[in-house]
Amino acid sequence: MKKRIWTEITFDVAPEYQDLMVGQLATLGFGGFLQEDRSLACFIEKNRWTARLERALRVMLESLKNEFPTLDIRFRTKSVPDRNWNARWERGVGIVEATDRIIIKPSWKKLSTRHSGKIVLHIDPKMSFGTGHHESTRLCLVLLQEYLRTGARVLDFGSGTGVQAIAAIKLGARSAVAIDNDPWAVENARENVKKNRVAKTVKVLSGDLKRVPDRRFDLIVANIDMPTIIATLEQLLRKLRPESIIILSGILTSDLAQFMDFLSQQGVVPLEIIDEDEWVAIALTNVDASDRN
C-alpha cells in the first residue's frame, strides 16, 4: 500500500494561545495536533494543502491578531510520512501525576512502586489532545475527581484522547460518551478505551453534538476552547439533568472576567474555579435545566 504523504504546518506560538488555535484549525480541516512548549503543529493530507486553504489559514491568523494585537504567529510547512509522528510523541510523552489519585501513563513507560494504589489511565496519544501534559486536562481531572458521583452517566465533549471519559469510568461512573470532531482523536480515543478495558461502558463518537444520544447526563465535561464553549454551552446544558454538574476547561485566566459575564446569563451557578499557570477550569451546576426543553 502506498504511504500517504502529509503536510505538517508548525506555528511558533505561546502555549496560552494553542488551545484557541486548535479549535479554529480543526474547523478548517486540520487535524493531528501536536502541542509543544512554544510551538503547535497540525497535519493535513498533502493534496489538500492548496493555495485556497493557505489563504483561509492566513485570514484566520489575521483575525486572531486583531483580537490579540501583540500576537505574531508565524508558520512553516514540510512534507512528512505517517511513520514520523508517533516517534515524536514517544520521545516527549511521559508519566503524568494528574491529580493526587490519577496517573496518566503511555504504554512504553513503566510505573514505579510509588505509584501503587493510584488510578492508572493508559493513554497512548497520537497527537490528539489530552495527554495530561497540558494544564487544562489536569484541571479537568481534578474537578472530575471531586464532583463525579458513583453511577453517573457522563458526556465528554471534545474528548481528544478520551482521557476524561476513561477517568470517569475508573472513578465510578456507570457509562460515558466521548465525542470529538477530529478523526485522529476519535481513532486514538477508541484505542485508549480498549487499552483501559472500558469498551463496554465508554462509547466513542465522531462528530458534533448532533451525534450525541438523545438523553440527559449527570455530568458533562468539556475541555475545549472558550469560543467553542460559548457557541455550544446552551446545547450542552440541554443535555444535562437538572441540578447536575458541568465542568468547563480550556479558559485563559485573562478571559475569566469576560467568561463569567457570559455565564451569568446562562442559568448556571459556579461551584468552584481552579487554576494552574494561565489556565482556568470551572465546575458549575444548572439551576433551570427544566426550562431547557
C-alpha atoms as a PDB file:
ATOM      1  CA  MET A   1       0.000   0.000   0.000  1.00  0.00           C
ATOM      2  CA  LYS A   2       1.320   3.409  -0.937  1.00  0.00           C
ATOM      3  CA  LYS A   3       2.065   5.546   2.112  1.00  0.00           C
ATOM      4  CA  ARG A   4       0.154   8.784   2.378  1.00  0.00           C
ATOM      5  CA  ILE A   5       2.155  12.000   2.437  1.00  0.00           C
ATOM      6  CA  TRP A   6       1.050  14.809   4.687  1.00  0.00           C
ATOM      7  CA  THR A   7       1.835  18.482   5.052  1.00  0.00           C
ATOM      8  CA  GLU A   8       2.902  19.466   8.548  1.00  0.00           C
ATOM      9  CA  ILE A   9       2.210  23.098   9.442  1.00  0.00           C
ATOM     10  CA  THR A  10       4.120  24.292  12.503  1.00  0.00           C
ATOM     11  CA  PHE A  11       3.205  27.560  14.236  1.00  0.00           C
ATOM     12  CA  ASP A  12       5.517  29.469  16.533  1.00  0.00           C
ATOM     13  CA  VAL A  13       3.009  30.361  19.239  1.00  0.00           C
ATOM     14  CA  ALA A  14       2.946  30.612  23.037  1.00  0.00           C
ATOM     15  CA  PRO A  15       1.167  27.829  24.989  1.00  0.00           C
ATOM     16  CA  GLU A  16      -1.650  30.086  26.213  1.00  0.00           C
ATOM     17  CA  TYR A  17      -2.950  30.553  22.649  1.00  0.00           C
ATOM     18  CA  GLN A  18      -2.571  26.980  21.428  1.00  0.00           C
ATOM     19  CA  ASP A  19      -5.932  25.586  22.542  1.00  0.00           C
ATOM     20  CA  LEU A  20      -7.734  28.510  20.940  1.00  0.00           C
ATOM     21  CA  MET A  21      -5.905  27.824  17.686  1.00  0.00           C
ATOM     22  CA  VAL A  22      -6.624  24.072  17.797  1.00  0.00           C
ATOM     23  CA  GLY A  23     -10.361  24.733  17.764  1.00  0.00           C
ATOM     24  CA  GLN A  24     -10.133  27.125  14.835  1.00  0.00           C
ATOM     25  CA  LEU A  25      -7.691  24.990  12.846  1.00  0.00           C
ATOM     26  CA  ALA A  26      -9.989  21.988  13.226  1.00  0.00           C
ATOM     27  CA  THR A  27     -12.812  23.909  11.555  1.00  0.00           C
ATOM     28  CA  LEU A  28     -10.526  24.432   8.523  1.00  0.00           C
ATOM     29  CA  GLY A  29      -9.904  20.696   8.240  1.00  0.00           C
ATOM     30  CA  PHE A  30      -6.548  20.328  10.007  1.00  0.00           C
ATOM     31  CA  GLY A  31      -6.026  17.505  12.490  1.00  0.00           C
ATOM     32  CA  GLY A  32      -3.477  15.515  14.466  1.00  0.00           C
ATOM     33  CA  PHE A  33      -2.411  18.372  16.707  1.00  0.00           C
ATOM     34  CA  LEU A  34       0.999  18.264  18.372  1.00  0.00           C
ATOM     35  CA  GLN A  35       1.430  20.774  21.203  1.00  0.00           C
ATOM     36  CA  GLU A  36       4.901  21.545  22.467  1.00  0.00           C
ATOM     37  CA  ASP A  37       6.336  24.303  24.646  1.00  0.00           C
ATOM     38  CA  ARG A  38       6.483  27.149  22.127  1.00  0.00           C
ATOM     39  CA  SER A  39       5.049  25.536  19.014  1.00  0.00           C
ATOM     40  CA  LEU A  40       1.894  23.940  17.671  1.00  0.00           C
ATOM     41  CA  ALA A  41       1.897  21.557  14.725  1.00  0.00           C
ATOM     42  CA  CYS A  42      -1.029  20.212  12.748  1.00  0.00           C
ATOM     43  CA  PHE A  43      -1.373  17.990   9.698  1.00  0.00           C
ATOM     44  CA  ILE A  44      -3.369  17.687   6.517  1.00  0.00           C
ATOM     45  CA  GLU A  45      -3.077  15.409   3.515  1.00  0.00           C
ATOM     46  CA  LYS A  46      -0.629  16.978   1.080  1.00  0.00           C
ATOM     47  CA  ASN A  47      -3.103  17.133  -1.798  1.00  0.00           C
ATOM     48  CA  ARG A  48      -5.491  19.138   0.392  1.00  0.00           C
ATOM     49  CA  TRP A  49      -2.862  21.793   1.224  1.00  0.00           C
ATOM     50  CA  THR A  50      -3.906  24.166  -1.544  1.00  0.00           C
ATOM     51  CA  ALA A  51      -3.463  27.880  -2.159  1.00  0.00           C
ATOM     52  CA  ARG A  52      -7.115  28.346  -1.216  1.00  0.00           C
ATOM     53  CA  LEU A  53      -6.641  26.636   2.137  1.00  0.00           C
ATOM     54  CA  GLU A  54      -3.487  28.632   2.813  1.00  0.00           C
ATOM     55  CA  ARG A  55      -5.436  31.858   2.198  1.00  0.00           C
ATOM     56  CA  ALA A  56      -8.142  30.703   4.630  1.00  0.00           C
ATOM     57  CA  LEU A  57      -5.443  29.959   7.195  1.00  0.00           C
ATOM     58  CA  ARG A  58      -3.926  33.411   6.810  1.00  0.00           C
ATOM     59  CA  VAL A  59      -7.364  35.019   7.229  1.00  0.00           C
ATOM     60  CA  MET A  60      -7.809  33.045  10.457  1.00  0.00           C
ATOM     61  CA  LEU A  61      -4.405  34.188  11.743  1.00  0.00           C
ATOM     62  CA  GLU A  62      -5.192  37.790  10.855  1.00  0.00           C
ATOM     63  CA  SER A  63      -8.440  37.528  12.800  1.00  0.00           C
ATOM     64  CA  LEU A  64      -6.516  36.261  15.815  1.00  0.00           C
ATOM     65  CA  LYS A  65      -4.090  39.146  15.530  1.00  0.00           C
ATOM     66  CA  ASN A  66      -6.992  41.596  15.508  1.00  0.00           C
ATOM     67  CA  GLU A  67      -8.270  40.015  18.719  1.00  0.00           C
ATOM     68  CA  PHE A  68      -4.818  39.816  20.319  1.00  0.00           C
ATOM     69  CA  PRO A  69      -2.761  42.739  18.884  1.00  0.00           C
ATOM     70  CA  THR A  70       0.514  41.587  20.458  1.00  0.00           C
ATOM     71  CA  LEU A  71       0.206  38.152  18.876  1.00  0.00           C
ATOM     72  CA  ASP A  72       2.528  37.485  15.934  1.00  0.00           C
ATOM     73  CA  ILE A  73       2.103  33.915  14.687  1.00  0.00           C
ATOM     74  CA  ARG A  74       4.428  32.628  12.002  1.00  0.00           C
ATOM     75  CA  PHE A  75       4.299  29.194  10.436  1.00  0.00           C
ATOM     76  CA  ARG A  76       6.386  26.862   8.309  1.00  0.00           C
ATOM     77  CA  THR A  77       5.460  23.775   6.335  1.00  0.00           C
ATOM     78  CA  LYS A  78       7.084  20.494   5.332  1.00  0.00           C
ATOM     79  CA  SER A  79       6.031  17.133   3.928  1.00  0.00           C
ATOM     80  CA  VAL A  80       6.064  14.155   6.301  1.00  0.00           C
ATOM     81  CA  PRO A  81       5.177  10.433   6.037  1.00  0.00           C
ATOM     82  CA  ASP A  82       2.877   8.719   8.548  1.00  0.00           C
ATOM     83  CA  ARG A  83       5.694   6.931  10.322  1.00  0.00           C
ATOM     84  CA  ASN A  84       7.355  10.075  11.678  1.00  0.00           C
ATOM     85  CA  TRP A  85       4.604  11.096  14.041  1.00  0.00           C
ATOM     86  CA  ASN A  86       4.365   8.539  16.798  1.00  0.00           C
ATOM     87  CA  ALA A  87       8.136   8.540  17.293  1.00  0.00           C
ATOM     88  CA  ARG A  88       7.994  12.254  18.047  1.00  0.00           C
ATOM     89  CA  TRP A  89       5.262  11.673  20.617  1.00  0.00           C
ATOM     90  CA  GLU A  90       7.044   8.806  22.307  1.00  0.00           C
ATOM     91  CA  ARG A  91      10.165  10.889  22.856  1.00  0.00           C
ATOM     92  CA  GLY A  92       8.236  13.638  24.601  1.00  0.00           C
ATOM     93  CA  VAL A  93       5.384  11.938  26.437  1.00  0.00           C
ATOM     94  CA  GLY A  94       5.970  10.521  29.902  1.00  0.00           C
ATOM     95  CA  ILE A  95       4.028   9.593  33.049  1.00  0.00           C
ATOM     96  CA  VAL A  96       1.886  12.399  34.447  1.00  0.00           C
ATOM     97  CA  GLU A  97       0.616  12.575  38.020  1.00  0.00           C
ATOM     98  CA  ALA A  98      -2.534  14.423  37.004  1.00  0.00           C
ATOM     99  CA  THR A  99      -4.158  14.511  40.459  1.00  0.00           C
ATOM    100  CA  ASP A 100      -3.421  13.052  43.880  1.00  0.00           C
ATOM    101  CA  ARG A 101      -5.256   9.878  42.763  1.00  0.00           C
ATOM    102  CA  ILE A 102      -4.865   9.724  38.972  1.00  0.00           C
ATOM    103  CA  ILE A 103      -1.812   8.867  36.878  1.00  0.00           C
ATOM    104  CA  ILE A 104      -1.665   9.037  33.081  1.00  0.00           C
ATOM    105  CA  LYS A 105       0.763   6.535  31.573  1.00  0.00           C
ATOM    106  CA  PRO A 106       1.698   5.728  27.954  1.00  0.00           C
ATOM    107  CA  SER A 107       2.294   2.052  27.229  1.00  0.00           C
ATOM    108  CA  TRP A 108       6.039   2.479  26.688  1.00  0.00           C
ATOM    109  CA  LYS A 109       6.624   3.798  30.231  1.00  0.00           C
ATOM    110  CA  LYS A 110       6.855   1.714  33.411  1.00  0.00           C
ATOM    111  CA  LEU A 111       5.294   2.586  36.756  1.00  0.00           C
ATOM    112  CA  SER A 112       7.374   2.768  39.902  1.00  0.00           C
ATOM    113  CA  THR A 113       6.375   1.437  43.322  1.00  0.00           C
ATOM    114  CA  ARG A 114       5.443   4.943  44.489  1.00  0.00           C
ATOM    115  CA  HIS A 115       2.529   4.846  42.033  1.00  0.00           C
ATOM    116  CA  SER A 116       0.918   1.818  43.692  1.00  0.00           C
ATOM    117  CA  GLY A 117      -2.693   2.329  44.728  1.00  0.00           C
ATOM    118  CA  LYS A 118      -3.314   5.090  42.171  1.00  0.00           C
ATOM    119  CA  ILE A 119      -5.881   5.084  39.367  1.00  0.00           C
ATOM    120  CA  VAL A 120      -3.869   4.473  36.194  1.00  0.00           C
ATOM    121  CA  LEU A 121      -5.095   5.753  32.843  1.00  0.00           C
ATOM    122  CA  HIS A 122      -3.298   4.006  29.987  1.00  0.00           C
ATOM    123  CA  ILE A 123      -3.208   6.713  27.315  1.00  0.00           C
ATOM    124  CA  ASP A 124      -1.180   6.341  24.126  1.00  0.00           C
ATOM    125  CA  PRO A 125      -1.514   9.694  22.385  1.00  0.00           C
ATOM    126  CA  LYS A 126      -1.324  10.121  18.626  1.00  0.00           C
ATOM    127  CA  MET A 127      -1.152  13.886  18.702  1.00  0.00           C
ATOM    128  CA  SER A 128      -4.735  14.268  19.881  1.00  0.00           C
ATOM    129  CA  PHE A 129      -5.347  16.449  22.893  1.00  0.00           C
ATOM    130  CA  GLY A 130      -5.475  15.051  26.422  1.00  0.00           C
ATOM    131  CA  THR A 131      -2.168  13.507  27.480  1.00  0.00           C
ATOM    132  CA  GLY A 132      -2.185  15.193  30.879  1.00  0.00           C
ATOM    133  CA  HIS A 133       0.769  17.365  29.976  1.00  0.00           C
ATOM    134  CA  HIS A 134      -1.492  20.366  29.456  1.00  0.00           C
ATOM    135  CA  GLU A 135      -2.842  22.321  32.405  1.00  0.00           C
ATOM    136  CA  SER A 136      -6.443  22.292  31.194  1.00  0.00           C
ATOM    137  CA  THR A 137      -6.503  18.468  31.114  1.00  0.00           C
ATOM    138  CA  ARG A 138      -5.168  18.206  34.655  1.00  0.00           C
ATOM    139  CA  LEU A 139      -7.610  20.839  35.913  1.00  0.00           C
ATOM    140  CA  CYS A 140     -10.497  18.903  34.365  1.00  0.00           C
ATOM    141  CA  LEU A 141      -9.412  15.707  36.075  1.00  0.00           C
ATOM    142  CA  VAL A 142      -9.151  17.430  39.452  1.00  0.00           C
ATOM    143  CA  LEU A 143     -12.751  18.652  39.194  1.00  0.00           C
ATOM    144  CA  LEU A 144     -13.978  15.370  37.723  1.00  0.00           C
ATOM    145  CA  GLN A 145     -12.470  13.505  40.657  1.00  0.00           C
ATOM    146  CA  GLU A 146     -14.190  15.882  43.083  1.00  0.00           C
ATOM    147  CA  TYR A 147     -17.681  16.109  41.582  1.00  0.00           C
ATOM    148  CA  LEU A 148     -18.310  12.757  39.910  1.00  0.00           C
ATOM    149  CA  ARG A 149     -20.916  10.655  41.708  1.00  0.00           C
ATOM    150  CA  THR A 150     -20.829   6.878  41.610  1.00  0.00           C
ATOM    151  CA  GLY A 151     -23.170   5.573  38.923  1.00  0.00           C
ATOM    152  CA  ALA A 152     -23.213   8.812  36.939  1.00  0.00           C
ATOM    153  CA  ARG A 153     -23.767   8.965  33.187  1.00  0.00           C
ATOM    154  CA  VAL A 154     -21.058  11.202  31.693  1.00  0.00           C
ATOM    155  CA  LEU A 155     -20.586  13.130  28.437  1.00  0.00           C
ATOM    156  CA  ASP A 156     -17.016  14.033  27.436  1.00  0.00           C
ATOM    157  CA  PHE A 157     -17.409  16.730  24.769  1.00  0.00           C
ATOM    158  CA  GLY A 158     -14.260  17.412  22.717  1.00  0.00           C
ATOM    159  CA  SER A 159     -12.794  14.217  24.107  1.00  0.00           C
ATOM    160  CA  GLY A 160      -9.355  14.167  22.449  1.00  0.00           C
ATOM    161  CA  THR A 161      -7.617  11.004  23.661  1.00  0.00           C
ATOM    162  CA  GLY A 162     -10.706  10.029  25.677  1.00  0.00           C
ATOM    163  CA  VAL A 163      -8.900  10.644  28.949  1.00  0.00           C
ATOM    164  CA  GLN A 164     -11.849  12.277  30.767  1.00  0.00           C
ATOM    165  CA  ALA A 165     -14.333   9.569  29.763  1.00  0.00           C
ATOM    166  CA  ILE A 166     -11.922   6.801  30.765  1.00  0.00           C
ATOM    167  CA  ALA A 167     -11.159   8.535  34.067  1.00  0.00           C
ATOM    168  CA  ALA A 168     -14.888   8.909  34.754  1.00  0.00           C
ATOM    169  CA  ILE A 169     -15.430   5.150  34.476  1.00  0.00           C
ATOM    170  CA  LYS A 170     -12.447   4.376  36.694  1.00  0.00           C
ATOM    171  CA  LEU A 171     -13.776   6.883  39.244  1.00  0.00           C
ATOM    172  CA  GLY A 172     -17.120   5.085  39.379  1.00  0.00           C
ATOM    173  CA  ALA A 173     -19.299   6.362  36.531  1.00  0.00           C
ATOM    174  CA  ARG A 174     -21.865   3.940  35.082  1.00  0.00           C
ATOM    175  CA  SER A 175     -21.251   4.961  31.465  1.00  0.00           C
ATOM    176  CA  ALA A 176     -19.619   7.652  29.348  1.00  0.00           C
ATOM    177  CA  VAL A 177     -19.991   9.047  25.846  1.00  0.00           C
ATOM    178  CA  ALA A 178     -16.855  10.599  24.330  1.00  0.00           C
ATOM    179  CA  ILE A 179     -17.215  12.718  21.197  1.00  0.00           C
ATOM    180  CA  ASP A 180     -14.762  14.674  19.046  1.00  0.00           C
ATOM    181  CA  ASN A 181     -14.739  16.070  15.509  1.00  0.00           C
ATOM    182  CA  ASP A 182     -11.059  15.250  14.873  1.00  0.00           C
ATOM    183  CA  PRO A 183     -10.717  11.830  13.147  1.00  0.00           C
ATOM    184  CA  TRP A 184      -7.293  11.279  14.740  1.00  0.00           C
ATOM    185  CA  ALA A 185      -8.741  11.964  18.183  1.00  0.00           C
ATOM    186  CA  VAL A 186     -11.636   9.555  17.624  1.00  0.00           C
ATOM    187  CA  GLU A 187      -9.325   6.769  16.449  1.00  0.00           C
ATOM    188  CA  ASN A 188      -6.960   7.402  19.340  1.00  0.00           C
ATOM    189  CA  ALA A 189      -9.773   7.503  21.904  1.00  0.00           C
ATOM    190  CA  ARG A 190     -11.138   4.167  20.696  1.00  0.00           C
ATOM    191  CA  GLU A 191      -7.710   2.570  21.048  1.00  0.00           C
ATOM    192  CA  ASN A 192      -7.266   4.031  24.535  1.00  0.00           C
ATOM    193  CA  VAL A 193     -10.721   2.835  25.590  1.00  0.00           C
ATOM    194  CA  LYS A 194      -9.715  -0.706  24.633  1.00  0.00           C
ATOM    195  CA  LYS A 195      -6.352  -0.401  26.420  1.00  0.00           C
ATOM    196  CA  ASN A 196      -8.160   0.585  29.616  1.00  0.00           C
ATOM    197  CA  ARG A 197     -10.718  -2.228  29.242  1.00  0.00           C
ATOM    198  CA  VAL A 198     -13.682   0.131  29.400  1.00  0.00           C
ATOM    199  CA  ALA A 199     -15.080  -0.502  25.904  1.00  0.00           C
ATOM    200  CA  LYS A 200     -18.324  -1.839  27.373  1.00  0.00           C
ATOM    201  CA  THR A 201     -19.009   1.382  29.252  1.00  0.00           C
ATOM    202  CA  VAL A 202     -17.444   4.108  27.044  1.00  0.00           C
ATOM    203  CA  LYS A 203     -18.929   4.904  23.638  1.00  0.00           C
ATOM    204  CA  VAL A 204     -16.677   6.962  21.330  1.00  0.00           C
ATOM    205  CA  LEU A 205     -18.419   9.027  18.655  1.00  0.00           C
ATOM    206  CA  SER A 206     -17.201  11.151  15.756  1.00  0.00           C
ATOM    207  CA  GLY A 207     -18.886  14.478  15.040  1.00  0.00           C
ATOM    208  CA  ASP A 208     -20.640  17.300  16.856  1.00  0.00           C
ATOM    209  CA  LEU A 209     -23.413  17.494  19.439  1.00  0.00           C
ATOM    210  CA  LYS A 210     -25.989  16.302  16.920  1.00  0.00           C
ATOM    211  CA  ARG A 211     -24.390  12.839  17.162  1.00  0.00           C
ATOM    212  CA  VAL A 212     -24.828  12.639  20.941  1.00  0.00           C
ATOM    213  CA  PRO A 213     -27.621  10.257  22.059  1.00  0.00           C
ATOM    214  CA  ASP A 214     -30.916  11.952  22.865  1.00  0.00           C
ATOM    215  CA  ARG A 215     -30.752  11.672  26.649  1.00  0.00           C
ATOM    216  CA  ARG A 216     -29.661  13.658  29.690  1.00  0.00           C
ATOM    217  CA  PHE A 217     -26.343  13.209  31.501  1.00  0.00           C
ATOM    218  CA  ASP A 218     -25.449  13.518  35.188  1.00  0.00           C
ATOM    219  CA  LEU A 219     -22.120  15.187  34.427  1.00  0.00           C
ATOM    220  CA  ILE A 220     -20.666  16.834  31.328  1.00  0.00           C
ATOM    221  CA  VAL A 221     -17.014  17.727  30.869  1.00  0.00           C
ATOM    222  CA  ALA A 222     -15.811  19.994  28.055  1.00  0.00           C
ATOM    223  CA  ASN A 223     -12.076  20.607  27.837  1.00  0.00           C
ATOM    224  CA  ILE A 224     -12.049  22.739  24.695  1.00  0.00           C
ATOM    225  CA  ASP A 225     -11.542  26.464  23.938  1.00  0.00           C
ATOM    226  CA  MET A 226     -13.596  29.416  25.100  1.00  0.00           C
ATOM    227  CA  PRO A 227     -15.167  30.333  21.715  1.00  0.00           C
ATOM    228  CA  THR A 228     -16.399  26.744  21.292  1.00  0.00           C
ATOM    229  CA  ILE A 229     -17.731  26.682  24.862  1.00  0.00           C
ATOM    230  CA  ILE A 230     -19.635  29.912  24.247  1.00  0.00           C
ATOM    231  CA  ALA A 231     -21.032  28.586  20.973  1.00  0.00           C
ATOM    232  CA  THR A 232     -22.182  25.245  22.403  1.00  0.00           C
ATOM    233  CA  LEU A 233     -22.965  25.804  26.094  1.00  0.00           C
ATOM    234  CA  GLU A 234     -26.704  26.237  25.625  1.00  0.00           C
ATOM    235  CA  GLN A 235     -26.858  22.956  23.695  1.00  0.00           C
ATOM    236  CA  LEU A 236     -24.700  21.218  26.295  1.00  0.00           C
ATOM    237  CA  LEU A 237     -26.978  22.374  29.087  1.00  0.00           C
ATOM    238  CA  ARG A 238     -29.917  20.803  27.284  1.00  0.00           C
ATOM    239  CA  LYS A 239     -28.077  17.502  27.660  1.00  0.00           C
ATOM    240  CA  LEU A 240     -27.628  17.920  31.418  1.00  0.00           C
ATOM    241  CA  ARG A 241     -30.003  16.609  34.070  1.00  0.00           C
ATOM    242  CA  PRO A 242     -31.456  19.206  36.476  1.00  0.00           C
ATOM    243  CA  GLU A 243     -29.156  20.129  39.363  1.00  0.00           C
ATOM    244  CA  SER A 244     -26.221  18.297  37.787  1.00  0.00           C
ATOM    245  CA  ILE A 245     -22.614  19.254  37.067  1.00  0.00           C
ATOM    246  CA  ILE A 246     -20.847  20.636  34.021  1.00  0.00           C
ATOM    247  CA  ILE A 247     -17.067  21.102  34.045  1.00  0.00           C
ATOM    248  CA  LEU A 248     -15.561  23.587  31.603  1.00  0.00           C
ATOM    249  CA  SER A 249     -11.843  23.916  30.921  1.00  0.00           C
ATOM    250  CA  GLY A 250      -9.556  25.480  28.331  1.00  0.00           C
ATOM    251  CA  ILE A 251     -10.200  29.070  29.516  1.00  0.00           C
ATOM    252  CA  LEU A 252      -7.385  31.570  29.951  1.00  0.00           C
ATOM    253  CA  THR A 253      -7.219  33.476  33.231  1.00  0.00           C
ATOM    254  CA  SER A 254      -7.075  36.684  31.187  1.00  0.00           C
ATOM    255  CA  ASP A 255     -10.513  35.818  29.737  1.00  0.00           C
ATOM    256  CA  LEU A 256     -12.119  34.773  33.013  1.00  0.00           C
ATOM    257  CA  ALA A 257     -13.946  38.027  33.777  1.00  0.00           C
ATOM    258  CA  GLN A 258     -15.464  38.108  30.290  1.00  0.00           C
ATOM    259  CA  PHE A 259     -16.387  34.442  30.551  1.00  0.00           C
ATOM    260  CA  MET A 260     -18.051  34.884  33.943  1.00  0.00           C
ATOM    261  CA  ASP A 261     -20.179  37.685  32.469  1.00  0.00           C
ATOM    262  CA  PHE A 262     -21.284  35.251  29.782  1.00  0.00           C
ATOM    263  CA  LEU A 263     -22.054  32.533  32.349  1.00  0.00           C
ATOM    264  CA  SER A 264     -24.191  34.915  34.413  1.00  0.00           C
ATOM    265  CA  GLN A 265     -26.725  34.902  31.561  1.00  0.00           C
ATOM    266  CA  GLN A 266     -26.840  31.116  31.143  1.00  0.00           C
ATOM    267  CA  GLY A 267     -28.759  29.961  34.225  1.00  0.00           C
ATOM    268  CA  VAL A 268     -25.772  28.215  35.800  1.00  0.00           C
ATOM    269  CA  VAL A 269     -24.185  28.636  39.222  1.00  0.00           C
ATOM    270  CA  PRO A 270     -20.389  28.374  39.617  1.00  0.00           C
ATOM    271  CA  LEU A 271     -19.403  25.911  42.318  1.00  0.00           C
ATOM    272  CA  GLU A 272     -15.638  26.090  42.071  1.00  0.00           C
ATOM    273  CA  ILE A 273     -12.941  27.747  39.995  1.00  0.00           C
ATOM    274  CA  ILE A 274      -9.420  26.329  39.972  1.00  0.00           C
ATOM    275  CA  ASP A 275      -6.364  27.447  38.028  1.00  0.00           C
ATOM    276  CA  GLU A 276      -2.895  26.376  37.019  1.00  0.00           C
ATOM    277  CA  ASP A 277      -0.475  28.815  35.423  1.00  0.00           C
ATOM    278  CA  GLU A 278      -2.545  30.736  32.845  1.00  0.00           C
ATOM    279  CA  TRP A 279      -5.457  28.299  32.668  1.00  0.00           C
ATOM    280  CA  VAL A 280      -8.787  28.005  34.483  1.00  0.00           C
ATOM    281  CA  ALA A 281     -11.388  25.271  34.898  1.00  0.00           C
ATOM    282  CA  ILE A 282     -14.861  25.809  36.334  1.00  0.00           C
ATOM    283  CA  ALA A 283     -17.403  23.436  37.883  1.00  0.00           C
ATOM    284  CA  LEU A 284     -20.994  24.650  37.550  1.00  0.00           C
ATOM    285  CA  THR A 285     -24.474  23.399  38.302  1.00  0.00           C
ATOM    286  CA  ASN A 286     -27.577  24.137  36.248  1.00  0.00           C
ATOM    287  CA  VAL A 287     -30.408  25.754  38.197  1.00  0.00           C
ATOM    288  CA  ASP A 288     -33.067  25.996  35.484  1.00  0.00           C
ATOM    289  CA  ALA A 289     -32.410  22.916  33.338  1.00  0.00           C
ATOM    290  CA  SER A 290     -36.120  22.081  33.487  1.00  0.00           C
ATOM    291  CA  ASP A 291     -36.768  25.141  31.314  1.00  0.00           C
ATOM    292  CA  ARG A 292     -34.429  23.967  28.521  1.00  0.00           C
ATOM    293  CA  ASN A 293     -36.829  21.726  26.643  1.00  0.00           C
END
